Amino acid sequence: MVELTKLNGKPFLLNALYIETIDSNPDTTIMLTNKTKYIVLESAEEVQRKVAQFYLQVQVLSNPDLRGDEDEE
């Protein structure tokens, strides 16, 4: 989960695994895989940094099967 801030200043937690797109136009808009949209105060770059940190923390990309790597024997 990443902590973000709604336009009204209230923080909330978002499950980064469901993010489909992040756009800046000019507000940062996050679209989830279920088509729910969130507009946040953070820049797209800041959201991207938080998401990358979350992925490292939960080690989503540490599994070779998830990365698409071939079996190493």
C-alpha atoms as a PDB file:
ATOM      1  CA  MET A   1       0.000   0.000   0.000  1.00  0.00           C
ATOM      2  CA  VAL A   2       1.181   3.520  -0.736  1.00  0.00           C
ATOM      3  CA  GLU A   3       0.069   6.616   1.152  1.00  0.00           C
ATOM      4  CA  LEU A   4      -1.247   9.380  -1.082  1.00  0.00           C
ATOM      5  CA  THR A   5      -3.194  12.599  -0.539  1.00  0.00           C
ATOM      6  CA  LYS A   6      -6.610  13.433  -1.966  1.00  0.00           C
ATOM      7  CA  LEU A   7      -7.209  16.928  -3.344  1.00  0.00           C
ATOM      8  CA  ASN A   8      -9.011  17.848  -0.109  1.00  0.00           C
ATOM      9  CA  GLY A   9      -5.778  17.178   1.816  1.00  0.00           C
ATOM     10  CA  LYS A  10      -6.851  13.897   3.395  1.00  0.00           C
ATOM     11  CA  PRO A  11      -4.337  11.045   3.232  1.00  0.00           C
ATOM     12  CA  PHE A  12      -5.406   7.575   2.105  1.00  0.00           C
ATOM     13  CA  LEU A  13      -3.778   4.235   1.341  1.00  0.00           C
ATOM     14  CA  LEU A  14      -3.904   2.795  -2.165  1.00  0.00           C
ATOM     15  CA  ASN A  15      -3.061  -0.776  -3.125  1.00  0.00           C
ATOM     16  CA  ALA A  16      -0.369  -0.178  -5.749  1.00  0.00           C
ATOM     17  CA  LEU A  17      -0.871  -3.626  -7.268  1.00  0.00           C
ATOM     18  CA  TYR A  18      -4.099  -2.414  -8.892  1.00  0.00           C
ATOM     19  CA  ILE A  19      -2.700   0.700 -10.605  1.00  0.00           C
ATOM     20  CA  GLU A  20      -3.153   0.589 -14.368  1.00  0.00           C
ATOM     21  CA  THR A  21      -2.155   4.135 -15.371  1.00  0.00           C
ATOM     22  CA  ILE A  22      -0.853   7.355 -13.841  1.00  0.00           C
ATOM     23  CA  ASP A  23      -1.462  10.570 -15.806  1.00  0.00           C
ATOM     24  CA  SER A  24      -0.694  14.241 -15.211  1.00  0.00           C
ATOM     25  CA  ASN A  25      -3.178  16.568 -16.867  1.00  0.00           C
ATOM     26  CA  PRO A  26      -2.347  18.804 -14.828  1.00  0.00           C
ATOM     27  CA  ASP A  27      -3.601  16.970 -11.712  1.00  0.00           C
ATOM     28  CA  THR A  28      -2.204  13.509 -11.121  1.00  0.00           C
ATOM     29  CA  THR A  29      -4.895  10.973 -11.979  1.00  0.00           C
ATOM     30  CA  ILE A  30      -4.514   7.310 -11.100  1.00  0.00           C
ATOM     31  CA  MET A  31      -6.674   4.731 -12.875  1.00  0.00           C
ATOM     32  CA  LEU A  32      -7.009   1.307 -11.315  1.00  0.00           C
ATOM     33  CA  THR A  33      -7.589  -1.958 -13.143  1.00  0.00           C
ATOM     34  CA  ASN A  34     -11.277  -1.802 -12.142  1.00  0.00           C
ATOM     35  CA  LYS A  35     -11.507   1.659 -13.826  1.00  0.00           C
ATOM     36  CA  THR A  36     -11.784   3.547 -10.506  1.00  0.00           C
ATOM     37  CA  LYS A  37     -10.024   6.928 -10.723  1.00  0.00           C
ATOM     38  CA  TYR A  38      -8.238   8.842  -7.982  1.00  0.00           C
ATOM     39  CA  ILE A  39      -6.935  12.400  -8.266  1.00  0.00           C
ATOM     40  CA  VAL A  40      -4.070  13.090  -5.877  1.00  0.00           C
ATOM     41  CA  LEU A  41      -1.870  16.010  -4.824  1.00  0.00           C
ATOM     42  CA  GLU A  42       1.395  14.122  -5.433  1.00  0.00           C
ATOM     43  CA  SER A  43       3.109  14.423  -8.808  1.00  0.00           C
ATOM     44  CA  ALA A  44       3.139  11.452 -11.156  1.00  0.00           C
ATOM     45  CA  GLU A  45       6.866  11.101 -10.474  1.00  0.00           C
ATOM     46  CA  GLU A  46       6.267  10.975  -6.708  1.00  0.00           C
ATOM     47  CA  VAL A  47       3.545   8.344  -7.122  1.00  0.00           C
ATOM     48  CA  GLN A  48       5.864   6.327  -9.354  1.00  0.00           C
ATOM     49  CA  ARG A  49       8.634   6.544  -6.727  1.00  0.00           C
ATOM     50  CA  LYS A  50       6.287   5.410  -3.959  1.00  0.00           C
ATOM     51  CA  VAL A  51       4.999   2.520  -6.065  1.00  0.00           C
ATOM     52  CA  ALA A  52       8.548   1.403  -6.922  1.00  0.00           C
ATOM     53  CA  GLN A  53       9.484   1.542  -3.222  1.00  0.00           C
ATOM     54  CA  PHE A  54       6.389  -0.518  -2.383  1.00  0.00           C
ATOM     55  CA  TYR A  55       7.317  -3.157  -4.977  1.00  0.00           C
ATOM     56  CA  LEU A  56      10.824  -3.382  -3.514  1.00  0.00           C
ATOM     57  CA  GLN A  57       9.440  -3.623   0.006  1.00  0.00           C
ATOM     58  CA  VAL A  58       7.095  -6.524  -0.775  1.00  0.00           C
ATOM     59  CA  GLN A  59       9.595  -8.063  -3.212  1.00  0.00           C
ATOM     60  CA  VAL A  60       7.024  -8.428  -5.979  1.00  0.00           C
ATOM     61  CA  LEU A  61       9.727  -8.644  -8.624  1.00  0.00           C
ATOM     62  CA  SER A  62      12.066 -10.950  -6.698  1.00  0.00           C
ATOM     63  CA  ASN A  63      10.336 -14.096  -7.972  1.00  0.00           C
ATOM     64  CA  PRO A  64      11.871 -15.220 -11.321  1.00  0.00           C
ATOM     65  CA  ASP A  65       8.488 -16.650 -12.418  1.00  0.00           C
ATOM     66  CA  LEU A  66       6.849 -13.238 -12.027  1.00  0.00           C
ATOM     67  CA  ARG A  67       9.693 -11.518 -13.890  1.00  0.00           C
ATOM     68  CA  GLY A  68       9.420 -13.950 -16.794  1.00  0.00           C
ATOM     69  CA  ASP A  69      12.934 -15.300 -16.341  1.00  0.00           C
ATOM     70  CA  GLU A  70      13.724 -18.756 -17.619  1.00  0.00           C
ATOM     71  CA  ASP A  71      14.393 -21.507 -15.110  1.00  0.00           C
ATOM     72  CA  GLU A  72      17.972 -21.387 -13.966  1.00  0.00           C
ATOM     73  CA  GLU A  73      19.484 -24.831 -13.577  1.00  0.00           C
END
